[in-house]
Amino acid sequence: MRGGLISHEPVPLLVGLDVDDVLLNLVDRWLEEYNEQYDDNLFRGSVTDWDFSQFVKPGVDIYHLLRPSMYEHIEPLPDAAKFVQGIRDRGHTPVYVTACGNGDTPPSLTKAFATAKWEALIRHGIAKDGENLIAGSDKSDAPVDMLVDDRIHNVETFRNGLGVLFTQPWNRNSYLPRARSYEQVLDFIDRYARHTPQCEDFS
């Protein structure tokens, strides 16, 4: 598909940005709490698969440690705010597309996660009032022109193929278009803005 795209003048894009471990450093805080509770020494680089349960002590459900209140203590990844401002400076619109649970998560908890993430994005100067956060575990039909995510499945299934995998230890074994830095993400955005029609109307 990409090989057949015709270059044209750059167009404004809706840039879908995953929140956890693309903008906010969830994993380090999450593993810190796990290590403290279960006397272990896991760190970001030791988790090499999306299924974190493979790396914890037997019988431990690490996903039960995830809760909205964690976001009061989660820090941004370095230069996250500068990166998002770079998207705005190019004339594009950042849209925060993030999982806030799964199909079994009660709506009240989903809303609590979404609120906690949004407040963290605002507090750290990443998001601005008037921008949008979309909560949903299935990002394949997200109403954005491109998607930046750290989960292989989300980039693989994104509807128009214009996804970028943001490198983390748990996604290194993939053929997908990959960015190892925010600068490389911006390079992808520049390329897609020149070669990609805007997304269709999902309203």
C-alpha atoms as a PDB file:
ATOM      1  CA  MET A   1       0.000   0.000   0.000  1.00  0.00           C
ATOM      2  CA  ARG A   2       2.695   2.496   0.964  1.00  0.00           C
ATOM      3  CA  GLY A   3       4.548   1.977  -2.307  1.00  0.00           C
ATOM      4  CA  GLY A   4       1.509   3.119  -4.311  1.00  0.00           C
ATOM      5  CA  LEU A   5       0.879   6.362  -2.445  1.00  0.00           C
ATOM      6  CA  ILE A   6       1.278   9.548  -4.422  1.00  0.00           C
ATOM      7  CA  SER A   7       3.215  12.442  -2.919  1.00  0.00           C
ATOM      8  CA  HIS A   8       1.358  15.725  -2.455  1.00  0.00           C
ATOM      9  CA  GLU A   9       1.512  18.836  -0.323  1.00  0.00           C
ATOM     10  CA  PRO A  10       1.595  18.020   3.406  1.00  0.00           C
ATOM     11  CA  VAL A  11      -1.868  17.789   4.945  1.00  0.00           C
ATOM     12  CA  PRO A  12      -2.822  18.188   8.604  1.00  0.00           C
ATOM     13  CA  LEU A  13      -3.053  14.807  10.307  1.00  0.00           C
ATOM     14  CA  LEU A  14      -4.801  13.487  13.365  1.00  0.00           C
ATOM     15  CA  VAL A  15      -1.866  11.769  15.059  1.00  0.00           C
ATOM     16  CA  GLY A  16      -2.968   8.997  17.418  1.00  0.00           C
ATOM     17  CA  LEU A  17      -0.613   8.687  20.371  1.00  0.00           C
ATOM     18  CA  ASP A  18      -0.656   5.815  22.810  1.00  0.00           C
ATOM     19  CA  VAL A  19      -0.258   7.106  26.371  1.00  0.00           C
ATOM     20  CA  ASP A  20       1.402   4.339  28.391  1.00  0.00           C
ATOM     21  CA  ASP A  21       5.121   4.008  27.598  1.00  0.00           C
ATOM     22  CA  VAL A  22       4.881   6.243  24.564  1.00  0.00           C
ATOM     23  CA  LEU A  23       4.267   9.415  26.578  1.00  0.00           C
ATOM     24  CA  LEU A  24       4.001   8.376  30.243  1.00  0.00           C
ATOM     25  CA  ASN A  25       6.432   6.023  31.963  1.00  0.00           C
ATOM     26  CA  LEU A  26       3.957   3.479  33.313  1.00  0.00           C
ATOM     27  CA  VAL A  27       6.191   0.405  33.274  1.00  0.00           C
ATOM     28  CA  ASP A  28       8.910   1.697  35.589  1.00  0.00           C
ATOM     29  CA  ARG A  29       6.352   2.684  38.235  1.00  0.00           C
ATOM     30  CA  TRP A  30       4.446  -0.568  37.767  1.00  0.00           C
ATOM     31  CA  LEU A  31       7.561  -2.709  38.171  1.00  0.00           C
ATOM     32  CA  GLU A  32       8.694  -0.649  41.143  1.00  0.00           C
ATOM     33  CA  GLU A  33       5.458  -1.475  42.967  1.00  0.00           C
ATOM     34  CA  TYR A  34       5.697  -5.143  41.957  1.00  0.00           C
ATOM     35  CA  ASN A  35       9.302  -5.410  43.172  1.00  0.00           C
ATOM     36  CA  GLU A  36       8.442  -3.788  46.496  1.00  0.00           C
ATOM     37  CA  GLN A  37       5.469  -6.076  47.138  1.00  0.00           C
ATOM     38  CA  TYR A  38       6.994  -9.350  45.947  1.00  0.00           C
ATOM     39  CA  ASP A  39      10.706  -8.878  46.692  1.00  0.00           C
ATOM     40  CA  ASP A  40      11.806  -9.168  43.084  1.00  0.00           C
ATOM     41  CA  ASN A  41      14.136  -7.185  40.816  1.00  0.00           C
ATOM     42  CA  LEU A  42      12.372  -6.903  37.468  1.00  0.00           C
ATOM     43  CA  PHE A  43      13.263  -3.895  35.336  1.00  0.00           C
ATOM     44  CA  ARG A  44      12.114  -2.534  31.986  1.00  0.00           C
ATOM     45  CA  GLY A  45      14.809  -4.262  29.952  1.00  0.00           C
ATOM     46  CA  SER A  46      14.028  -7.688  31.386  1.00  0.00           C
ATOM     47  CA  VAL A  47      10.447  -7.684  30.067  1.00  0.00           C
ATOM     48  CA  THR A  48      10.787  -8.838  26.466  1.00  0.00           C
ATOM     49  CA  ASP A  49       7.192  -9.779  25.660  1.00  0.00           C
ATOM     50  CA  TRP A  50       3.862  -7.959  25.902  1.00  0.00           C
ATOM     51  CA  ASP A  51       2.591 -10.588  28.375  1.00  0.00           C
ATOM     52  CA  PHE A  52       4.237  -9.362  31.570  1.00  0.00           C
ATOM     53  CA  SER A  53       2.883 -12.351  33.520  1.00  0.00           C
ATOM     54  CA  GLN A  54       5.675 -14.479  31.990  1.00  0.00           C
ATOM     55  CA  PHE A  55       8.311 -12.580  33.973  1.00  0.00           C
ATOM     56  CA  VAL A  56       6.867 -12.373  37.490  1.00  0.00           C
ATOM     57  CA  LYS A  57       6.988 -14.865  40.324  1.00  0.00           C
ATOM     58  CA  PRO A  58       4.640 -17.878  40.035  1.00  0.00           C
ATOM     59  CA  GLY A  59       1.122 -17.179  41.186  1.00  0.00           C
ATOM     60  CA  VAL A  60       1.423 -13.379  41.037  1.00  0.00           C
ATOM     61  CA  ASP A  61      -1.127 -11.435  38.983  1.00  0.00           C
ATOM     62  CA  ILE A  62       0.822  -8.294  38.154  1.00  0.00           C
ATOM     63  CA  TYR A  63      -2.145  -6.789  36.311  1.00  0.00           C
ATOM     64  CA  HIS A  64      -4.028  -6.430  39.599  1.00  0.00           C
ATOM     65  CA  LEU A  65      -1.447  -3.828  40.592  1.00  0.00           C
ATOM     66  CA  LEU A  66      -2.669  -1.480  37.863  1.00  0.00           C
ATOM     67  CA  ARG A  67      -5.015   1.168  39.250  1.00  0.00           C
ATOM     68  CA  PRO A  68      -5.903   4.761  38.392  1.00  0.00           C
ATOM     69  CA  SER A  69      -4.165   6.209  41.450  1.00  0.00           C
ATOM     70  CA  MET A  70      -0.784   5.080  40.047  1.00  0.00           C
ATOM     71  CA  TYR A  71      -0.935   7.957  37.591  1.00  0.00           C
ATOM     72  CA  GLU A  72      -0.520  10.472  40.409  1.00  0.00           C
ATOM     73  CA  HIS A  73       3.086   9.255  40.649  1.00  0.00           C
ATOM     74  CA  ILE A  74       3.914   8.354  37.046  1.00  0.00           C
ATOM     75  CA  GLU A  75       6.441  10.573  35.294  1.00  0.00           C
ATOM     76  CA  PRO A  76       6.533  11.397  31.576  1.00  0.00           C
ATOM     77  CA  LEU A  77       9.119   9.880  29.298  1.00  0.00           C
ATOM     78  CA  PRO A  78      11.956  12.372  28.660  1.00  0.00           C
ATOM     79  CA  ASP A  79      10.971  15.112  26.189  1.00  0.00           C
ATOM     80  CA  ALA A  80       7.396  13.830  25.794  1.00  0.00           C
ATOM     81  CA  ALA A  81       5.930  17.338  26.067  1.00  0.00           C
ATOM     82  CA  LYS A  82       8.461  18.714  23.573  1.00  0.00           C
ATOM     83  CA  PHE A  83       7.631  15.878  21.160  1.00  0.00           C
ATOM     84  CA  VAL A  84       3.886  16.551  21.263  1.00  0.00           C
ATOM     85  CA  GLN A  85       4.495  20.251  20.800  1.00  0.00           C
ATOM     86  CA  GLY A  86       6.544  19.347  17.737  1.00  0.00           C
ATOM     87  CA  ILE A  87       3.458  17.639  16.330  1.00  0.00           C
ATOM     88  CA  ARG A  88       1.405  20.799  16.894  1.00  0.00           C
ATOM     89  CA  ASP A  89       4.126  22.982  15.412  1.00  0.00           C
ATOM     90  CA  ARG A  90       3.862  20.978  12.174  1.00  0.00           C
ATOM     91  CA  GLY A  91       0.150  21.798  11.978  1.00  0.00           C
ATOM     92  CA  HIS A  92      -1.075  18.376  13.124  1.00  0.00           C
ATOM     93  CA  THR A  93      -3.432  17.475  15.966  1.00  0.00           C
ATOM     94  CA  PRO A  94      -2.399  15.016  18.693  1.00  0.00           C
ATOM     95  CA  VAL A  95      -5.099  12.598  19.824  1.00  0.00           C
ATOM     96  CA  TYR A  96      -4.418  10.428  22.871  1.00  0.00           C
ATOM     97  CA  VAL A  97      -5.583   6.867  22.138  1.00  0.00           C
ATOM     98  CA  THR A  98      -5.217   4.616  25.158  1.00  0.00           C
ATOM     99  CA  ALA A  99      -6.472   1.385  26.675  1.00  0.00           C
ATOM    100  CA  CYS A 100      -8.302   1.890  29.966  1.00  0.00           C
ATOM    101  CA  GLY A 101      -9.058  -1.727  30.741  1.00  0.00           C
ATOM    102  CA  ASN A 102     -10.495  -4.533  28.637  1.00  0.00           C
ATOM    103  CA  GLY A 103     -13.936  -5.810  27.713  1.00  0.00           C
ATOM    104  CA  ASP A 104     -14.550  -6.968  31.283  1.00  0.00           C
ATOM    105  CA  THR A 105     -13.585  -3.690  32.957  1.00  0.00           C
ATOM    106  CA  PRO A 106     -16.534  -1.929  34.628  1.00  0.00           C
ATOM    107  CA  PRO A 107     -17.390   1.389  32.956  1.00  0.00           C
ATOM    108  CA  SER A 108     -16.728   3.277  36.186  1.00  0.00           C
ATOM    109  CA  LEU A 109     -13.154   1.927  36.317  1.00  0.00           C
ATOM    110  CA  THR A 110     -12.597   2.642  32.628  1.00  0.00           C
ATOM    111  CA  LYS A 111     -13.659   6.238  33.244  1.00  0.00           C
ATOM    112  CA  ALA A 112     -11.383   6.469  36.297  1.00  0.00           C
ATOM    113  CA  PHE A 113      -8.368   5.292  34.264  1.00  0.00           C
ATOM    114  CA  ALA A 114      -9.171   7.720  31.449  1.00  0.00           C
ATOM    115  CA  THR A 115      -9.501  10.602  33.902  1.00  0.00           C
ATOM    116  CA  ALA A 116      -6.269   9.701  35.700  1.00  0.00           C
ATOM    117  CA  LYS A 117      -4.325   9.487  32.432  1.00  0.00           C
ATOM    118  CA  TRP A 118      -5.729  12.766  31.150  1.00  0.00           C
ATOM    119  CA  GLU A 119      -4.895  14.555  34.386  1.00  0.00           C
ATOM    120  CA  ALA A 120      -1.331  13.213  34.229  1.00  0.00           C
ATOM    121  CA  LEU A 121      -0.955  14.368  30.618  1.00  0.00           C
ATOM    122  CA  ILE A 122      -2.174  17.846  31.567  1.00  0.00           C
ATOM    123  CA  ARG A 123      -0.073  18.001  34.737  1.00  0.00           C
ATOM    124  CA  HIS A 124       3.115  17.192  32.845  1.00  0.00           C
ATOM    125  CA  GLY A 125       2.418  19.706  30.083  1.00  0.00           C
ATOM    126  CA  ILE A 126       1.913  17.060  27.401  1.00  0.00           C
ATOM    127  CA  ALA A 127      -1.775  17.513  26.565  1.00  0.00           C
ATOM    128  CA  LYS A 128      -3.666  20.771  26.296  1.00  0.00           C
ATOM    129  CA  ASP A 129      -7.261  21.670  27.092  1.00  0.00           C
ATOM    130  CA  GLY A 130      -9.415  21.119  24.035  1.00  0.00           C
ATOM    131  CA  GLU A 131      -7.496  18.054  22.839  1.00  0.00           C
ATOM    132  CA  ASN A 132      -9.083  14.616  22.919  1.00  0.00           C
ATOM    133  CA  LEU A 133      -8.406  11.354  24.720  1.00  0.00           C
ATOM    134  CA  ILE A 134     -10.022   8.224  23.285  1.00  0.00           C
ATOM    135  CA  ALA A 135     -10.302   5.272  25.673  1.00  0.00           C
ATOM    136  CA  GLY A 136     -10.447   1.833  24.100  1.00  0.00           C
ATOM    137  CA  SER A 137      -8.479  -1.402  23.969  1.00  0.00           C
ATOM    138  CA  ASP A 138      -9.267  -2.003  20.268  1.00  0.00           C
ATOM    139  CA  LYS A 139      -7.396   0.686  18.339  1.00  0.00           C
ATOM    140  CA  SER A 140      -7.857  -0.840  14.895  1.00  0.00           C
ATOM    141  CA  ASP A 141     -10.618   1.621  13.954  1.00  0.00           C
ATOM    142  CA  ALA A 142      -9.402   4.620  15.939  1.00  0.00           C
ATOM    143  CA  PRO A 143     -10.513   7.823  14.126  1.00  0.00           C
ATOM    144  CA  VAL A 144      -6.986   9.069  13.470  1.00  0.00           C
ATOM    145  CA  ASP A 145      -4.794   9.211  10.375  1.00  0.00           C
ATOM    146  CA  MET A 146      -1.830   7.419  11.925  1.00  0.00           C
ATOM    147  CA  LEU A 147      -1.081   5.591  15.180  1.00  0.00           C
ATOM    148  CA  VAL A 148       2.034   5.583  17.368  1.00  0.00           C
ATOM    149  CA  ASP A 149       1.955   2.676  19.810  1.00  0.00           C
ATOM    150  CA  ASP A 150       4.250   0.303  21.693  1.00  0.00           C
ATOM    151  CA  ARG A 151       2.054  -2.780  21.247  1.00  0.00           C
ATOM    152  CA  ILE A 152       2.722  -4.844  18.123  1.00  0.00           C
ATOM    153  CA  HIS A 153      -0.913  -5.959  17.805  1.00  0.00           C
ATOM    154  CA  ASN A 154      -2.224  -2.392  17.773  1.00  0.00           C
ATOM    155  CA  VAL A 155       0.109  -1.313  14.981  1.00  0.00           C
ATOM    156  CA  GLU A 156      -0.519  -4.513  12.992  1.00  0.00           C
ATOM    157  CA  THR A 157      -4.292  -4.116  13.069  1.00  0.00           C
ATOM    158  CA  PHE A 158      -4.577  -0.347  12.610  1.00  0.00           C
ATOM    159  CA  ARG A 159      -7.058   0.050   9.771  1.00  0.00           C
ATOM    160  CA  ASN A 160      -4.991   1.927   7.157  1.00  0.00           C
ATOM    161  CA  GLY A 161      -1.570   0.461   7.899  1.00  0.00           C
ATOM    162  CA  LEU A 162      -0.061   3.815   8.817  1.00  0.00           C
ATOM    163  CA  GLY A 163       1.180   2.832  12.241  1.00  0.00           C
ATOM    164  CA  VAL A 164       4.530   3.326  13.914  1.00  0.00           C
ATOM    165  CA  LEU A 165       5.885   1.000  16.575  1.00  0.00           C
ATOM    166  CA  PHE A 166       7.543   2.969  19.368  1.00  0.00           C
ATOM    167  CA  THR A 167      10.471   0.839  20.475  1.00  0.00           C
ATOM    168  CA  GLN A 168      10.333  -0.806  23.882  1.00  0.00           C
ATOM    169  CA  PRO A 169      11.955  -4.039  25.104  1.00  0.00           C
ATOM    170  CA  TRP A 170       8.666  -5.943  24.733  1.00  0.00           C
ATOM    171  CA  ASN A 171       8.247  -5.207  21.011  1.00  0.00           C
ATOM    172  CA  ARG A 172      11.704  -5.573  19.495  1.00  0.00           C
ATOM    173  CA  ASN A 173      10.938  -8.730  17.526  1.00  0.00           C
ATOM    174  CA  SER A 174       8.748  -7.214  14.837  1.00  0.00           C
ATOM    175  CA  TYR A 175       8.993  -6.265  11.164  1.00  0.00           C
ATOM    176  CA  LEU A 176       6.719  -3.238  11.589  1.00  0.00           C
ATOM    177  CA  PRO A 177       7.763   0.369  10.863  1.00  0.00           C
ATOM    178  CA  ARG A 178       9.673   1.360  13.971  1.00  0.00           C
ATOM    179  CA  ALA A 179      10.766   4.543  15.714  1.00  0.00           C
ATOM    180  CA  ARG A 180      13.519   4.410  18.319  1.00  0.00           C
ATOM    181  CA  SER A 181      13.128   8.043  19.335  1.00  0.00           C
ATOM    182  CA  TYR A 182      10.655  10.892  19.178  1.00  0.00           C
ATOM    183  CA  GLU A 183      12.721  12.408  16.381  1.00  0.00           C
ATOM    184  CA  GLN A 184      12.121   9.290  14.300  1.00  0.00           C
ATOM    185  CA  VAL A 185       8.390   9.453  15.054  1.00  0.00           C
ATOM    186  CA  LEU A 186       8.364  13.025  13.734  1.00  0.00           C
ATOM    187  CA  ASP A 187      10.140  11.796  10.590  1.00  0.00           C
ATOM    188  CA  PHE A 188       7.328   9.274  10.049  1.00  0.00           C
ATOM    189  CA  ILE A 189       4.738  12.002  10.595  1.00  0.00           C
ATOM    190  CA  ASP A 190       6.433  14.185   7.992  1.00  0.00           C
ATOM    191  CA  ARG A 191       6.448  11.309   5.525  1.00  0.00           C
ATOM    192  CA  TYR A 192       2.816  10.354   6.112  1.00  0.00           C
ATOM    193  CA  ALA A 193       1.709  14.001   5.869  1.00  0.00           C
ATOM    194  CA  ARG A 194       3.168  14.123   2.360  1.00  0.00           C
ATOM    195  CA  HIS A 195       1.839  10.785   1.150  1.00  0.00           C
ATOM    196  CA  THR A 196      -1.353  10.059   3.061  1.00  0.00           C
ATOM    197  CA  PRO A 197      -4.944  11.226   2.526  1.00  0.00           C
ATOM    198  CA  GLN A 198      -6.739  12.248   5.708  1.00  0.00           C
ATOM    199  CA  CYS A 199      -8.858   9.754   7.586  1.00  0.00           C
ATOM    200  CA  GLU A 200     -12.470   9.277   6.650  1.00  0.00           C
ATOM    201  CA  ASP A 201     -15.277  10.720   8.743  1.00  0.00           C
ATOM    202  CA  PHE A 202     -16.118   8.382  11.636  1.00  0.00           C
ATOM    203  CA  SER A 203     -18.937  10.539  13.037  1.00  0.00           C
END
